[in-house]
Amino acid sequence: MRIDIIAVGRAGRDSPETQLSETYGARSTALGAQLALGPVTIHSVEDRQSRKRNITDAERAAQEAKLLTAQIPEGALIVTLDAAGRQLSSEAFAEALARHRDQGIRNLAFVIGGAQGLAPELRARAQWSLSLGAMIWPHMLARAMLSEQIYRAVTILANHPYHRA
């Protein structure tokens, strides 16, 4: 099962957040191959035009939703990241990934919005929503945290010693 993390915003290639996200994504891809999980790919989108225009937050979120949607693989199960989403333990998250894989889901797309959050039409397309906790996290940290949790889930499923609960 391919796993895509699709997020608004870009950071420099050498930023600590980008390095963390890519490191955990690569680890997940390597270990997940034996479990039919992966590859894990991170996609960034940025609407430079709307940043220059004086538009409302709702209009900006709608523009970002178009860019995010264009990156979602056809037929993917969509999971949005949202403070109001379900909070899962690492073990429950691993079980959810395994369940989707075992149900024959070929693509799983995690979608992270920008500062305005996700547009209602994109939220409506999601099969479920995941929360990283009650706090709001910057998209670059959310990306790194999600990447780590995907890796942790893979290690749980592989009985790898990384996860020690």
C-alpha atoms as a PDB file:
ATOM      1  CA  MET A   1       0.000   0.000   0.000  1.00  0.00           C
ATOM      2  CA  ARG A   2       1.503   3.288  -1.109  1.00  0.00           C
ATOM      3  CA  ILE A   3       1.449   6.028   1.503  1.00  0.00           C
ATOM      4  CA  ASP A   4       1.465   9.657   0.412  1.00  0.00           C
ATOM      5  CA  ILE A   5       1.807  12.644   2.708  1.00  0.00           C
ATOM      6  CA  ILE A   6       0.459  15.660   0.857  1.00  0.00           C
ATOM      7  CA  ALA A   7       0.961  18.996   2.569  1.00  0.00           C
ATOM      8  CA  VAL A   8       0.699  22.716   1.985  1.00  0.00           C
ATOM      9  CA  GLY A   9       3.920  24.679   2.251  1.00  0.00           C
ATOM     10  CA  ARG A  10       7.535  24.165   1.435  1.00  0.00           C
ATOM     11  CA  ALA A  11      10.632  24.265   3.563  1.00  0.00           C
ATOM     12  CA  GLY A  12      14.215  24.349   2.470  1.00  0.00           C
ATOM     13  CA  ARG A  13      15.821  21.030   1.566  1.00  0.00           C
ATOM     14  CA  ASP A  14      18.205  21.454   4.481  1.00  0.00           C
ATOM     15  CA  SER A  15      15.613  22.396   7.095  1.00  0.00           C
ATOM     16  CA  PRO A  16      15.543  20.103  10.137  1.00  0.00           C
ATOM     17  CA  GLU A  17      11.841  19.391   9.583  1.00  0.00           C
ATOM     18  CA  THR A  18      12.388  18.318   5.980  1.00  0.00           C
ATOM     19  CA  GLN A  19      15.329  16.141   6.966  1.00  0.00           C
ATOM     20  CA  LEU A  20      13.276  14.461   9.708  1.00  0.00           C
ATOM     21  CA  SER A  21      10.323  13.857   7.395  1.00  0.00           C
ATOM     22  CA  GLU A  22      12.496  12.411   4.649  1.00  0.00           C
ATOM     23  CA  THR A  23      14.535  10.268   7.038  1.00  0.00           C
ATOM     24  CA  TYR A  24      11.444   8.673   8.566  1.00  0.00           C
ATOM     25  CA  GLY A  25       9.841   8.309   5.141  1.00  0.00           C
ATOM     26  CA  ALA A  26      12.912   6.471   3.830  1.00  0.00           C
ATOM     27  CA  ARG A  27      13.048   4.240   6.908  1.00  0.00           C
ATOM     28  CA  SER A  28       9.357   3.412   6.538  1.00  0.00           C
ATOM     29  CA  THR A  29       9.821   2.592   2.872  1.00  0.00           C
ATOM     30  CA  ALA A  30      12.793   0.299   3.554  1.00  0.00           C
ATOM     31  CA  LEU A  31      11.273  -1.624   6.463  1.00  0.00           C
ATOM     32  CA  GLY A  32       7.720  -1.476   5.125  1.00  0.00           C
ATOM     33  CA  ALA A  33       8.595  -3.253   1.864  1.00  0.00           C
ATOM     34  CA  GLN A  34       8.451  -6.630   3.612  1.00  0.00           C
ATOM     35  CA  LEU A  35       5.005  -5.726   4.980  1.00  0.00           C
ATOM     36  CA  ALA A  36       3.524  -4.381   1.721  1.00  0.00           C
ATOM     37  CA  LEU A  37       3.571  -0.886   3.227  1.00  0.00           C
ATOM     38  CA  GLY A  38       5.146   1.816   1.135  1.00  0.00           C
ATOM     39  CA  PRO A  39       6.757   3.498  -0.472  1.00  0.00           C
ATOM     40  CA  VAL A  40       6.144   6.561   1.668  1.00  0.00           C
ATOM     41  CA  THR A  41       6.280   9.724  -0.431  1.00  0.00           C
ATOM     42  CA  ILE A  42       6.011  13.343   0.693  1.00  0.00           C
ATOM     43  CA  HIS A  43       4.451  15.896  -1.661  1.00  0.00           C
ATOM     44  CA  SER A  44       4.498  19.639  -1.010  1.00  0.00           C
ATOM     45  CA  VAL A  45       2.199  22.145  -2.669  1.00  0.00           C
ATOM     46  CA  GLU A  46       2.315  25.903  -2.474  1.00  0.00           C
ATOM     47  CA  ASP A  47       0.031  28.528  -3.968  1.00  0.00           C
ATOM     48  CA  ARG A  48       2.386  31.434  -4.537  1.00  0.00           C
ATOM     49  CA  GLN A  49      -0.237  33.364  -6.511  1.00  0.00           C
ATOM     50  CA  SER A  50      -2.868  33.475  -3.764  1.00  0.00           C
ATOM     51  CA  ARG A  51      -0.255  34.659  -1.256  1.00  0.00           C
ATOM     52  CA  LYS A  52       0.194  37.769  -3.365  1.00  0.00           C
ATOM     53  CA  ARG A  53      -3.523  38.519  -3.624  1.00  0.00           C
ATOM     54  CA  ASN A  54      -5.764  39.945  -0.954  1.00  0.00           C
ATOM     55  CA  ILE A  55      -8.168  37.018  -0.497  1.00  0.00           C
ATOM     56  CA  THR A  56     -10.076  35.628   2.446  1.00  0.00           C
ATOM     57  CA  ASP A  57      -8.908  32.654   4.477  1.00  0.00           C
ATOM     58  CA  ALA A  58     -11.754  30.586   3.015  1.00  0.00           C
ATOM     59  CA  GLU A  59     -10.696  31.472  -0.536  1.00  0.00           C
ATOM     60  CA  ARG A  60      -7.073  30.619   0.277  1.00  0.00           C
ATOM     61  CA  ALA A  61      -8.128  27.271   1.790  1.00  0.00           C
ATOM     62  CA  ALA A  62     -10.189  26.547  -1.353  1.00  0.00           C
ATOM     63  CA  GLN A  63      -7.195  27.324  -3.594  1.00  0.00           C
ATOM     64  CA  GLU A  64      -4.965  25.099  -1.466  1.00  0.00           C
ATOM     65  CA  ALA A  65      -7.596  22.335  -1.607  1.00  0.00           C
ATOM     66  CA  LYS A  66      -7.352  22.333  -5.414  1.00  0.00           C
ATOM     67  CA  LEU A  67      -3.574  21.950  -5.244  1.00  0.00           C
ATOM     68  CA  LEU A  68      -3.776  19.231  -2.587  1.00  0.00           C
ATOM     69  CA  THR A  69      -6.486  17.338  -4.477  1.00  0.00           C
ATOM     70  CA  ALA A  70      -4.371  17.329  -7.638  1.00  0.00           C
ATOM     71  CA  GLN A  71      -1.688  15.366  -5.746  1.00  0.00           C
ATOM     72  CA  ILE A  72      -4.036  12.719  -4.315  1.00  0.00           C
ATOM     73  CA  PRO A  73      -3.703   9.459  -6.263  1.00  0.00           C
ATOM     74  CA  GLU A  74      -6.881   8.291  -7.976  1.00  0.00           C
ATOM     75  CA  GLY A  75      -8.844   5.929  -5.749  1.00  0.00           C
ATOM     76  CA  ALA A  76      -6.767   6.702  -2.655  1.00  0.00           C
ATOM     77  CA  LEU A  77      -8.251   6.457   0.800  1.00  0.00           C
ATOM     78  CA  ILE A  78      -7.994  10.023   2.105  1.00  0.00           C
ATOM     79  CA  VAL A  79      -7.090  10.834   5.704  1.00  0.00           C
ATOM     80  CA  THR A  80      -7.025  14.485   6.709  1.00  0.00           C
ATOM     81  CA  LEU A  81      -4.981  15.779   9.617  1.00  0.00           C
ATOM     82  CA  ASP A  82      -7.145  17.956  11.811  1.00  0.00           C
ATOM     83  CA  ALA A  83      -7.146  18.930  15.492  1.00  0.00           C
ATOM     84  CA  ALA A  84     -10.785  17.748  15.601  1.00  0.00           C
ATOM     85  CA  GLY A  85      -9.896  14.329  14.154  1.00  0.00           C
ATOM     86  CA  ARG A  86      -9.518  11.018  15.974  1.00  0.00           C
ATOM     87  CA  GLN A  87      -6.603  10.709  18.353  1.00  0.00           C
ATOM     88  CA  LEU A  88      -5.028   7.267  18.173  1.00  0.00           C
ATOM     89  CA  SER A  89      -2.317   5.540  20.135  1.00  0.00           C
ATOM     90  CA  SER A  90       0.683   4.427  18.100  1.00  0.00           C
ATOM     91  CA  GLU A  91      -0.559   0.844  18.345  1.00  0.00           C
ATOM     92  CA  ALA A  92      -4.050   1.770  17.134  1.00  0.00           C
ATOM     93  CA  PHE A  93      -2.535   3.756  14.265  1.00  0.00           C
ATOM     94  CA  ALA A  94      -0.456   0.703  13.269  1.00  0.00           C
ATOM     95  CA  GLU A  95      -3.604  -1.436  13.382  1.00  0.00           C
ATOM     96  CA  ALA A  96      -5.426   1.080  11.166  1.00  0.00           C
ATOM     97  CA  LEU A  97      -2.634   0.997   8.570  1.00  0.00           C
ATOM     98  CA  ALA A  98      -2.606  -2.814   8.611  1.00  0.00           C
ATOM     99  CA  ARG A  99      -6.404  -2.949   8.334  1.00  0.00           C
ATOM    100  CA  HIS A 100      -6.418  -0.644   5.289  1.00  0.00           C
ATOM    101  CA  ARG A 101      -3.634  -2.690   3.678  1.00  0.00           C
ATOM    102  CA  ASP A 102      -5.464  -5.951   4.401  1.00  0.00           C
ATOM    103  CA  GLN A 103      -8.680  -4.529   2.917  1.00  0.00           C
ATOM    104  CA  GLY A 104      -6.832  -4.071  -0.362  1.00  0.00           C
ATOM    105  CA  ILE A 105      -6.410  -0.303  -0.218  1.00  0.00           C
ATOM    106  CA  ARG A 106      -3.673   0.463  -2.749  1.00  0.00           C
ATOM    107  CA  ASN A 107      -3.071   4.119  -1.908  1.00  0.00           C
ATOM    108  CA  LEU A 108      -3.412   5.946   1.389  1.00  0.00           C
ATOM    109  CA  ALA A 109      -3.159   9.738   1.258  1.00  0.00           C
ATOM    110  CA  PHE A 110      -2.608  11.813   4.392  1.00  0.00           C
ATOM    111  CA  VAL A 111      -3.510  15.452   3.715  1.00  0.00           C
ATOM    112  CA  ILE A 112      -2.150  18.359   5.785  1.00  0.00           C
ATOM    113  CA  GLY A 113      -3.590  21.829   5.240  1.00  0.00           C
ATOM    114  CA  GLY A 114      -2.019  25.235   5.610  1.00  0.00           C
ATOM    115  CA  ALA A 115      -2.528  27.952   8.208  1.00  0.00           C
ATOM    116  CA  GLN A 116      -6.217  28.287   7.259  1.00  0.00           C
ATOM    117  CA  GLY A 117      -6.837  24.585   7.722  1.00  0.00           C
ATOM    118  CA  LEU A 118      -8.535  22.413   5.142  1.00  0.00           C
ATOM    119  CA  ALA A 119     -11.421  23.542   2.969  1.00  0.00           C
ATOM    120  CA  PRO A 120     -14.786  21.939   3.820  1.00  0.00           C
ATOM    121  CA  GLU A 121     -15.011  20.252   0.402  1.00  0.00           C
ATOM    122  CA  LEU A 122     -11.682  18.473   0.981  1.00  0.00           C
ATOM    123  CA  ARG A 123     -12.677  17.453   4.509  1.00  0.00           C
ATOM    124  CA  ALA A 124     -15.889  16.004   3.075  1.00  0.00           C
ATOM    125  CA  ARG A 125     -13.893  13.776   0.670  1.00  0.00           C
ATOM    126  CA  ALA A 126     -11.879  12.216   3.492  1.00  0.00           C
ATOM    127  CA  GLN A 127     -12.759   8.760   4.767  1.00  0.00           C
ATOM    128  CA  TRP A 128     -11.483   9.731   8.204  1.00  0.00           C
ATOM    129  CA  SER A 129      -9.594  12.423  10.041  1.00  0.00           C
ATOM    130  CA  LEU A 130      -6.568  12.021  12.293  1.00  0.00           C
ATOM    131  CA  SER A 131      -5.474  14.336  15.089  1.00  0.00           C
ATOM    132  CA  LEU A 132      -1.927  14.609  16.396  1.00  0.00           C
ATOM    133  CA  GLY A 133      -3.402  15.981  19.621  1.00  0.00           C
ATOM    134  CA  ALA A 134      -5.464  18.894  20.816  1.00  0.00           C
ATOM    135  CA  MET A 135      -2.695  21.382  20.051  1.00  0.00           C
ATOM    136  CA  ILE A 136      -2.281  22.981  16.639  1.00  0.00           C
ATOM    137  CA  TRP A 137       1.053  22.174  14.966  1.00  0.00           C
ATOM    138  CA  PRO A 138       2.804  24.008  12.114  1.00  0.00           C
ATOM    139  CA  HIS A 139       2.487  22.026   8.886  1.00  0.00           C
ATOM    140  CA  MET A 140       6.226  21.283   8.774  1.00  0.00           C
ATOM    141  CA  LEU A 141       6.201  19.799  12.276  1.00  0.00           C
ATOM    142  CA  ALA A 142       2.966  17.917  11.562  1.00  0.00           C
ATOM    143  CA  ARG A 143       4.641  16.419   8.498  1.00  0.00           C
ATOM    144  CA  ALA A 144       7.657  15.277  10.547  1.00  0.00           C
ATOM    145  CA  MET A 145       5.467  13.937  13.369  1.00  0.00           C
ATOM    146  CA  LEU A 146       3.253  12.010  10.951  1.00  0.00           C
ATOM    147  CA  SER A 147       6.313  10.597   9.175  1.00  0.00           C
ATOM    148  CA  GLU A 148       7.672   9.378  12.499  1.00  0.00           C
ATOM    149  CA  GLN A 149       4.351   7.802  13.461  1.00  0.00           C
ATOM    150  CA  ILE A 150       4.158   5.992  10.128  1.00  0.00           C
ATOM    151  CA  TYR A 151       7.653   4.642  10.764  1.00  0.00           C
ATOM    152  CA  ARG A 152       6.693   3.689  14.315  1.00  0.00           C
ATOM    153  CA  ALA A 153       3.594   1.893  12.961  1.00  0.00           C
ATOM    154  CA  VAL A 154       5.737  -0.050  10.497  1.00  0.00           C
ATOM    155  CA  THR A 155       8.133  -1.051  13.294  1.00  0.00           C
ATOM    156  CA  ILE A 156       5.213  -2.181  15.460  1.00  0.00           C
ATOM    157  CA  LEU A 157       3.869  -4.335  12.628  1.00  0.00           C
ATOM    158  CA  ALA A 158       7.357  -5.736  11.940  1.00  0.00           C
ATOM    159  CA  ASN A 159       8.021  -6.458  15.638  1.00  0.00           C
ATOM    160  CA  HIS A 160      11.069  -4.205  15.375  1.00  0.00           C
ATOM    161  CA  PRO A 161      12.569  -2.992  18.679  1.00  0.00           C
ATOM    162  CA  TYR A 162      12.217   0.738  17.773  1.00  0.00           C
ATOM    163  CA  HIS A 163       8.826   0.887  19.493  1.00  0.00           C
ATOM    164  CA  ARG A 164       9.090   0.132  23.180  1.00  0.00           C
ATOM    165  CA  ALA A 165       5.819   0.761  24.970  1.00  0.00           C
END
